[in-house]
Protein backbone atom coordinates (compact mmCIF):
# COMPACT_ATOMS: atom_id res chain seq x y z
CA MET A 1 98.79 12.46 244.42
CA ASP A 2 96.00 10.62 246.23
CA SER A 3 94.38 12.01 249.38
CA THR A 4 95.27 8.98 251.56
CA SER A 5 98.97 9.80 251.42
CA LEU A 6 98.33 13.25 252.90
CA GLU A 7 96.34 12.02 255.89
CA PRO A 8 98.16 12.44 259.20
CA SER A 9 99.63 9.29 260.72
CA LEU A 10 101.45 8.30 263.87
CA TYR A 11 103.79 6.17 261.75
CA THR A 12 106.19 8.97 260.95
CA VAL A 13 109.52 7.14 260.90
CA LYS A 14 110.13 4.73 258.04
CA ALA A 15 113.68 3.76 258.99
CA VAL A 16 116.63 4.54 261.25
CA PHE A 17 120.16 3.52 260.44
CA ILE A 18 123.73 4.23 261.49
CA LEU A 19 126.57 3.85 259.01
CA ASP A 20 130.32 4.09 259.46
CA ASN A 21 132.47 6.50 257.46
CA ASP A 22 132.78 3.91 254.66
CA GLY A 23 129.01 3.56 254.34
CA ASN A 24 128.86 0.17 256.05
CA ARG A 25 125.78 -0.60 258.11
CA LEU A 26 126.25 -0.73 261.88
CA LEU A 27 122.58 -0.60 262.83
CA SER A 28 119.38 -0.38 260.86
CA LYS A 29 115.71 -0.69 261.63
CA TYR A 30 113.07 -0.46 258.92
CA TYR A 31 109.56 0.12 260.19
CA ASP A 32 107.64 -0.03 256.90
CA PRO A 33 107.77 -3.59 255.51
CA GLU A 34 106.69 -2.40 252.07
CA LEU A 35 109.39 0.25 251.76
CA TYR A 36 112.45 -1.96 251.19
CA PRO A 37 111.41 -5.54 251.92
CA SER A 38 114.72 -7.27 251.18
CA MET A 39 118.14 -6.82 252.72
CA LYS A 40 119.59 -6.12 249.26
CA GLU A 41 117.10 -3.27 248.65
CA GLN A 42 117.80 -1.82 252.10
CA LYS A 43 121.57 -1.86 251.55
CA ASN A 44 121.19 -0.28 248.10
CA PHE A 45 119.05 2.47 249.60
CA GLU A 46 121.58 3.02 252.40
CA ARG A 47 124.44 3.16 249.89
CA ASN A 48 122.54 5.73 247.78
CA VAL A 49 121.77 7.82 250.87
CA PHE A 50 125.38 7.64 252.04
CA ASN A 51 126.74 8.60 248.61
CA LYS A 52 124.45 11.61 248.50
CA THR A 53 125.03 12.80 252.08
CA HIS A 54 128.50 11.89 253.35
CA LYS A 55 130.19 14.94 251.81
CA ALA A 56 127.27 17.37 252.12
CA ASP A 57 126.98 20.05 254.79
CA ASN A 58 123.18 19.86 254.89
CA GLU A 59 121.05 18.08 257.46
CA ILE A 60 118.15 17.17 255.18
CA ALA A 61 118.06 15.18 251.96
CA PHE A 62 115.29 14.04 249.63
CA LEU A 63 115.89 10.77 247.86
CA GLU A 64 113.63 8.12 246.30
CA GLY A 65 110.51 9.85 247.61
CA MET A 66 111.82 9.92 251.18
CA THR A 67 112.70 12.74 253.55
CA ILE A 68 116.00 11.97 255.24
CA VAL A 69 117.55 13.86 258.13
CA TYR A 70 121.11 13.03 259.07
CA LYS A 71 124.05 13.94 261.21
CA GLY A 72 127.70 12.99 260.92
CA ASN A 73 130.10 12.64 263.83
CA ILE A 74 133.77 11.54 263.70
CA ASP A 75 133.36 8.18 261.89
CA LEU A 76 129.58 7.69 262.12
CA PHE A 77 126.54 8.88 260.19
CA PHE A 78 123.08 8.81 261.79
CA TYR A 79 119.97 8.77 259.58
CA VAL A 80 116.24 9.04 260.23
CA VAL A 81 113.96 8.44 257.24
CA GLY A 82 110.35 9.53 256.79
CA SER A 83 107.91 9.84 253.91
CA ALA A 84 108.12 12.73 251.44
CA GLN A 85 105.33 14.64 253.26
CA GLU A 86 106.83 14.17 256.71
CA ASN A 87 107.68 17.17 258.83
CA GLU A 88 111.46 17.55 258.86
CA LEU A 89 111.37 19.06 262.35
CA MET A 90 109.72 15.94 263.76
CA LEU A 91 112.32 13.73 262.13
CA MET A 92 115.08 16.06 263.33
CA SER A 93 113.80 15.82 266.92
CA VAL A 94 114.09 12.03 266.69
CA LEU A 95 117.60 12.30 265.26
CA ASN A 96 118.71 14.74 267.96
CA CYS A 97 117.20 12.58 270.70
CA LEU A 98 118.99 9.52 269.31
CA PHE A 99 122.32 11.30 269.04
CA ASP A 100 122.09 13.01 272.45
CA SER A 101 121.01 9.79 274.18
CA LEU A 102 123.85 7.82 272.62
CA SER A 103 126.27 10.60 273.47
CA GLN A 104 125.30 10.23 277.13
CA ILE A 105 125.45 6.44 277.11
CA LEU A 106 128.82 6.44 275.34
CA ARG A 107 130.11 9.19 277.65
CA LYS A 108 130.47 11.75 274.83
CA ASN A 109 132.63 9.28 272.89
CA VAL A 110 130.34 8.76 269.90
CA GLU A 111 132.54 6.81 267.54
CA ARG A 112 132.42 3.47 265.76
CA ARG A 113 134.36 1.38 268.27
CA CYS A 114 132.44 2.61 271.32
CA LEU A 115 129.15 2.17 269.51
CA LEU A 116 129.97 -1.44 268.61
CA ASP A 117 131.12 -2.16 272.18
CA ASN A 118 127.79 -0.89 273.55
CA MET A 119 125.41 -2.19 270.90
CA GLU A 120 122.82 -3.52 273.38
CA GLY A 121 122.45 -0.02 274.82
CA VAL A 122 122.16 1.43 271.32
CA PHE A 123 119.29 -0.93 270.48
CA LEU A 124 117.57 -0.08 273.77
CA VAL A 125 117.82 3.64 272.97
CA VAL A 126 116.38 3.19 269.49
CA ASP A 127 113.55 1.06 270.87
CA GLU A 128 112.70 3.66 273.53
CA ILE A 129 112.55 6.46 270.95
CA ILE A 130 110.66 4.64 268.15
CA ASP A 131 108.29 1.71 268.21
CA GLY A 132 107.08 0.38 264.88
CA GLY A 133 107.59 3.78 263.24
CA VAL A 134 105.74 5.69 265.99
CA ILE A 135 107.75 8.30 267.87
CA LEU A 136 107.49 7.47 271.57
CA GLU A 137 109.98 9.90 273.04
CA SER A 138 112.02 12.89 271.93
CA ASP A 139 113.56 13.89 275.28
CA PRO A 140 117.01 12.31 275.77
CA GLN A 141 116.76 12.48 279.57
CA GLN A 142 113.53 10.47 279.54
CA VAL A 143 115.09 7.93 277.19
CA LEU A 144 118.14 7.59 279.45
CA GLN A 145 115.94 7.06 282.49
CA LYS A 146 113.97 4.33 280.75
CA VAL A 147 117.07 2.68 279.31
CA SER A 148 118.94 2.65 282.63
CA TYR A 149 115.83 1.24 284.32
CA ARG A 150 115.51 -1.48 281.70
CA ALA A 151 119.22 -2.20 281.78
CA ASP A 152 119.06 -2.67 285.56
CA GLU A 153 115.95 -4.80 285.23
CA ASN A 154 117.28 -6.95 282.39
CA PRO A 155 121.09 -6.94 282.42
CA LEU A 156 122.54 -7.95 279.07
CA SER A 157 126.29 -7.91 279.58
CA GLU A 158 128.46 -11.03 279.46
CA GLN A 159 129.37 -10.54 283.10
CA SER A 160 125.71 -10.63 284.12
CA VAL A 161 125.18 -13.83 282.12
CA ALA A 162 128.16 -15.41 283.88
CA GLN A 163 126.82 -14.23 287.24
CA HIS A 164 123.42 -15.70 286.41
CA ILE A 165 124.96 -19.08 285.53
CA THR A 166 127.08 -19.01 288.69
CA GLU A 167 124.01 -18.25 290.82
CA LYS A 168 122.06 -21.10 289.16
CA LEU A 169 124.95 -23.52 289.74
CA ALA A 170 125.24 -22.46 293.37
CA LEU A 171 121.49 -22.90 293.83
CA THR A 172 121.63 -26.33 292.18
CA SER A 173 124.53 -27.46 294.37
CA ASN A 174 122.68 -26.20 297.47
CA VAL A 175 119.62 -28.21 296.45
CA LEU A 176 121.76 -31.32 295.84
CA GLN A 177 123.52 -30.90 299.20
CA SER A 178 120.16 -30.52 300.91
CA ALA A 179 118.82 -33.64 299.17
CA LYS A 180 121.90 -35.64 300.22
CA GLU A 181 121.40 -34.59 303.83
CA GLN A 182 117.72 -35.55 303.74
CA ILE A 183 118.57 -38.98 302.30
CA LYS A 184 121.28 -39.45 304.92
CA TRP A 185 118.85 -38.58 307.77
CA SER A 186 116.13 -40.79 306.37
CA ILE A 187 118.57 -43.76 306.15
CA LEU A 188 119.75 -43.19 309.74
CA LYS A 189 116.18 -43.24 311.11
């Protein structure tokens, strides 16, 4: 084992993914481009991880040189992947933060359907916890504050898009009405 692999690094998380109870991918983010560069390799890895963990009572698995912490809930499985030397407690804090944050956002209804209905919030949570493999936050309350702030700042729902279009149309019609009045007044002069 070479000494460079044992050097400490901020890039502790290699991947995060959420699978349903059949092992199908609902969300995945890989932070190490060399780990599993193709979609096929990623899905094979996820299938292997799911096959090893979906019936186990443990919270930690070691597979293909990776440390994997996981948690199952109703019809979902949450996974955080790190290197073989990674501290399991650090990875577990990320997993717990992810699960607790999603539990709050989904109003304690952490199941497949609710997760899919609120996918934009799920991506925001993941992005607030991990950035490029670096753990940014492990406190669910801090994550929720940042996510709610960002959600208010940048609304993503269909309703907000429709409101935005309606506001733009109203603004455009006001401008056109104003222009018509100016033309009318200039003709009358």
